[in-house]
C-alpha atoms as a PDB file:
ATOM      1  CA  MET A   1       0.000   0.000   0.000  1.00  0.00           C
ATOM      2  CA  MET A   2       2.782   2.430   0.916  1.00  0.00           C
ATOM      3  CA  LYS A   3       4.515   1.751  -2.391  1.00  0.00           C
ATOM      4  CA  GLN A   4       1.379   2.638  -4.355  1.00  0.00           C
ATOM      5  CA  ILE A   5       0.856   5.856  -2.404  1.00  0.00           C
ATOM      6  CA  LEU A   6       4.474   6.898  -2.932  1.00  0.00           C
ATOM      7  CA  ARG A   7       4.249   6.186  -6.661  1.00  0.00           C
ATOM      8  CA  LYS A   8       1.117   8.323  -6.968  1.00  0.00           C
ATOM      9  CA  ILE A   9       2.510  11.212  -4.950  1.00  0.00           C
ATOM     10  CA  LEU A  10       6.088  11.254  -6.227  1.00  0.00           C
ATOM     11  CA  GLY A  11       5.941  10.018  -9.776  1.00  0.00           C
ATOM     12  CA  LEU A  12       9.440  10.784 -11.110  1.00  0.00           C
ATOM     13  CA  ALA A  13      10.156  13.634  -8.678  1.00  0.00           C
ATOM     14  CA  ALA A  14      13.570  13.924  -7.052  1.00  0.00           C
ATOM     15  CA  LEU A  15      13.328  15.045  -3.424  1.00  0.00           C
ATOM     16  CA  ASN A  16      15.870  16.018  -0.814  1.00  0.00           C
ATOM     17  CA  TYR A  17      15.881  14.359   2.614  1.00  0.00           C
ATOM     18  CA  GLU A  18      13.508  16.812   4.331  1.00  0.00           C
ATOM     19  CA  GLU A  19      11.001  16.764   1.477  1.00  0.00           C
ATOM     20  CA  LEU A  20      11.068  12.962   1.400  1.00  0.00           C
ATOM     21  CA  LEU A  21      10.576  12.833   5.168  1.00  0.00           C
ATOM     22  CA  THR A  22       7.552  15.127   4.851  1.00  0.00           C
ATOM     23  CA  VAL A  23       6.071  12.970   2.090  1.00  0.00           C
ATOM     24  CA  LEU A  24       6.657   9.793   4.121  1.00  0.00           C
ATOM     25  CA  CYS A  25       4.892  11.339   7.130  1.00  0.00           C
ATOM     26  CA  ASP A  26       1.935  12.229   4.905  1.00  0.00           C
ATOM     27  CA  CYS A  27       1.854   8.665   3.538  1.00  0.00           C
ATOM     28  CA  GLU A  28       1.996   7.248   7.049  1.00  0.00           C
ATOM     29  CA  ARG A  29      -0.940   9.455   8.023  1.00  0.00           C
ATOM     30  CA  ILE A  30      -2.939   8.249   5.013  1.00  0.00           C
ATOM     31  CA  THR A  31      -2.383   4.594   5.905  1.00  0.00           C
ATOM     32  CA  SER A  32      -2.995   5.029   9.633  1.00  0.00           C
ATOM     33  CA  VAL A  33      -6.424   6.679   9.316  1.00  0.00           C
ATOM     34  CA  ARG A  34      -7.936   4.131   6.941  1.00  0.00           C
ATOM     35  CA  PRO A  35     -10.603   1.995   8.617  1.00  0.00           C
ATOM     36  CA  LEU A  36      -9.782  -1.623   9.480  1.00  0.00           C
ATOM     37  CA  THR A  37     -13.468  -2.536   9.511  1.00  0.00           C
ATOM     38  CA  TYR A  38     -16.329  -1.582   7.265  1.00  0.00           C
ATOM     39  CA  VAL A  39     -17.785   1.901   7.619  1.00  0.00           C
ATOM     40  CA  SER A  40     -21.521   2.000   8.207  1.00  0.00           C
ATOM     41  CA  ASP A  41     -23.870   4.793   7.168  1.00  0.00           C
ATOM     42  CA  ASP A  42     -25.877   4.353  10.358  1.00  0.00           C
ATOM     43  CA  VAL A  43     -24.988   7.051  12.921  1.00  0.00           C
ATOM     44  CA  ARG A  44     -25.856   4.695  15.797  1.00  0.00           C
ATOM     45  CA  ASP A  45     -23.065   2.283  14.859  1.00  0.00           C
ATOM     46  CA  PHE A  46     -19.754   2.364  16.669  1.00  0.00           C
ATOM     47  CA  LEU A  47     -16.689   4.048  15.226  1.00  0.00           C
ATOM     48  CA  SER A  48     -14.683   1.898  12.873  1.00  0.00           C
ATOM     49  CA  LEU A  49     -11.227   0.897  14.100  1.00  0.00           C
ATOM     50  CA  THR A  50      -8.177   2.478  12.495  1.00  0.00           C
ATOM     51  CA  PRO A  51      -4.464   1.718  13.012  1.00  0.00           C
ATOM     52  CA  GLU A  52      -4.070   5.225  14.436  1.00  0.00           C
ATOM     53  CA  MET A  53      -6.307   4.296  17.362  1.00  0.00           C
ATOM     54  CA  PHE A  54      -3.740   1.688  18.429  1.00  0.00           C
ATOM     55  CA  LEU A  55      -0.817   4.092  18.037  1.00  0.00           C
ATOM     56  CA  ARG A  56      -2.208   7.033  19.967  1.00  0.00           C
ATOM     57  CA  GLU A  57      -3.451   7.050  23.527  1.00  0.00           C
ATOM     58  CA  ILE A  58      -7.146   7.758  23.904  1.00  0.00           C
ATOM     59  CA  PRO A  59      -7.363  10.619  26.443  1.00  0.00           C
ATOM     60  CA  LYS A  60     -10.614   9.522  28.101  1.00  0.00           C
ATOM     61  CA  SER A  61     -12.008   6.027  27.898  1.00  0.00           C
ATOM     62  CA  GLY A  62     -15.335   6.937  29.441  1.00  0.00           C
ATOM     63  CA  VAL A  63     -14.733   4.604  32.378  1.00  0.00           C
ATOM     64  CA  PRO A  64     -14.075   6.826  35.432  1.00  0.00           C
ATOM     65  CA  ASP A  65     -11.990   4.386  37.478  1.00  0.00           C
ATOM     66  CA  ILE A  66      -9.670   3.630  34.544  1.00  0.00           C
ATOM     67  CA  ASP A  67      -9.194   7.326  33.741  1.00  0.00           C
ATOM     68  CA  MET A  68      -8.249   8.200  37.341  1.00  0.00           C
ATOM     69  CA  VAL A  69      -6.196   5.147  38.373  1.00  0.00           C
ATOM     70  CA  ASP A  70      -2.647   6.260  37.675  1.00  0.00           C
ATOM     71  CA  LYS A  71      -2.788  10.062  37.513  1.00  0.00           C
ATOM     72  CA  GLU A  72      -1.358  10.587  41.014  1.00  0.00           C
ATOM     73  CA  LYS A  73       1.114   7.699  40.801  1.00  0.00           C
ATOM     74  CA  LEU A  74       2.965   8.725  37.644  1.00  0.00           C
ATOM     75  CA  SER A  75       6.701   9.121  38.039  1.00  0.00           C
ATOM     76  CA  LYS A  76       8.505  12.309  37.061  1.00  0.00           C
ATOM     77  CA  ARG A  77       9.787  10.669  33.882  1.00  0.00           C
ATOM     78  CA  ALA A  78       6.312   9.551  32.848  1.00  0.00           C
ATOM     79  CA  LYS A  79       4.962  13.065  33.439  1.00  0.00           C
ATOM     80  CA  TYR A  80       7.801  14.502  31.359  1.00  0.00           C
ATOM     81  CA  ILE A  81       7.126  12.056  28.523  1.00  0.00           C
ATOM     82  CA  GLN A  82       3.427  12.903  28.658  1.00  0.00           C
ATOM     83  CA  SER A  83       4.165  16.638  28.445  1.00  0.00           C
ATOM     84  CA  VAL A  84       6.399  16.032  25.425  1.00  0.00           C
ATOM     85  CA  ARG A  85       3.667  13.964  23.763  1.00  0.00           C
ATOM     86  CA  ASP A  86       1.070  16.651  24.500  1.00  0.00           C
ATOM     87  CA  GLN A  87       3.112  19.208  22.569  1.00  0.00           C
ATOM     88  CA  PHE A  88       2.388  17.288  19.365  1.00  0.00           C
END
């Protein structure tokens, strides 16, 4: 799939490292948001799973005890990593 996307986007273009990195990030985004399951037209259906959902942390799961379990117990390093991730 990635090869096909790159062929469509690049064609015969010659890119430098930064331009190629940007294009690869765009291709990664395209492949990570595609649904893994069928997409229904019914609004009452659940969201379809995408690879991006497995790569990114869901901020709130909707289950109160899971959302509040580790907030006070995080180490300094984990808080630092979280703040770095939040900047993106």
